[in-house]
C-alpha atoms as a PDB file:
ATOM      1  CA  MET A   1      -6.424  23.950   3.730  1.00  0.00           C
ATOM      2  CA  GLY A   2      -8.443  22.377   1.085  1.00  0.00           C
ATOM      3  CA  LYS A   3      -8.269  20.648  -2.425  1.00  0.00           C
ATOM      4  CA  GLY A   4      -5.510  23.034  -3.424  1.00  0.00           C
ATOM      5  CA  ASP A   5      -3.194  22.383  -0.543  1.00  0.00           C
ATOM      6  CA  LYS A   6      -0.434  19.817  -1.458  1.00  0.00           C
ATOM      7  CA  LYS A   7       0.228  18.881   2.119  1.00  0.00           C
ATOM      8  CA  THR A   8      -3.239  17.744   3.247  1.00  0.00           C
ATOM      9  CA  LYS A   9      -4.888  14.392   2.631  1.00  0.00           C
ATOM     10  CA  ARG A  10      -7.655  16.080   0.653  1.00  0.00           C
ATOM     11  CA  GLY A  11      -5.222  17.834  -1.577  1.00  0.00           C
ATOM     12  CA  LYS A  12      -3.380  14.445  -2.252  1.00  0.00           C
ATOM     13  CA  ILE A  13      -6.645  12.959  -3.207  1.00  0.00           C
ATOM     14  CA  HIS A  14      -7.567  15.790  -5.509  1.00  0.00           C
ATOM     15  CA  ARG A  15      -4.127  15.749  -7.290  1.00  0.00           C
ATOM     16  CA  GLY A  16      -3.999  11.907  -7.461  1.00  0.00           C
ATOM     17  CA  THR A  17      -0.684  11.687  -5.545  1.00  0.00           C
ATOM     18  CA  TYR A  18       0.594   9.908  -2.547  1.00  0.00           C
ATOM     19  CA  GLY A  19       2.785  10.806   0.478  1.00  0.00           C
ATOM     20  CA  THR A  20       3.099  10.846   4.212  1.00  0.00           C
ATOM     21  CA  ARG A  21      -0.454  12.060   4.694  1.00  0.00           C
ATOM     22  CA  ARG A  22      -1.854   9.634   2.045  1.00  0.00           C
ATOM     23  CA  PRO A  23       0.245   6.420   1.960  1.00  0.00           C
ATOM     24  CA  LYS A  24      -0.282   3.807  -0.707  1.00  0.00           C
ATOM     25  CA  ILE A  25      -2.085   0.734   0.545  1.00  0.00           C
ATOM     26  CA  LYS A  26       0.417  -2.236   0.101  1.00  0.00           C
ATOM     27  CA  LYS A  27      -1.179  -5.612  -0.689  1.00  0.00           C
ATOM     28  CA  ARG A  28      -0.765  -8.145   2.118  1.00  0.00           C
ATOM     29  CA  ARG A  29       0.405 -11.673   1.414  1.00  0.00           C
ATOM     30  CA  THR A  30      -2.384 -14.156   1.901  1.00  0.00           C
ATOM     31  CA  VAL A  31      -2.015 -17.155   4.069  1.00  0.00           C
ATOM     32  CA  GLU A  32      -2.065 -19.483   1.127  1.00  0.00           C
ATOM     33  CA  GLN A  33       0.837 -17.623  -0.530  1.00  0.00           C
ATOM     34  CA  LYS A  34       2.775 -18.002   2.717  1.00  0.00           C
ATOM     35  CA  ILE A  35       2.065 -21.689   2.870  1.00  0.00           C
ATOM     36  CA  ASN A  36       3.146 -22.260  -0.751  1.00  0.00           C
ATOM     37  CA  VAL A  37       6.353 -20.448  -0.272  1.00  0.00           C
ATOM     38  CA  ASP A  38       7.206 -22.459   2.768  1.00  0.00           C
ATOM     39  CA  ASN A  39       6.493 -25.812   1.104  1.00  0.00           C
ATOM     40  CA  LYS A  40       8.794 -24.946  -1.892  1.00  0.00           C
ATOM     41  CA  ALA A  41      11.523 -23.985   0.502  1.00  0.00           C
ATOM     42  CA  THR A  42      11.327 -27.274   2.404  1.00  0.00           C
ATOM     43  CA  ALA A  43      10.641 -29.692  -0.419  1.00  0.00           C
ATOM     44  CA  LYS A  44      13.831 -31.243  -1.994  1.00  0.00           C
END
């Protein structure tokens, strides 16, 4: 249960991989981006 273990978070960090124990952090859309998308949709 350490760096060599593929299934643990520490092992994922050591190998540089992702999975259930270490999910990738997704970029959240900012408020400005949401406002811009809405304006483009409504403007004609």
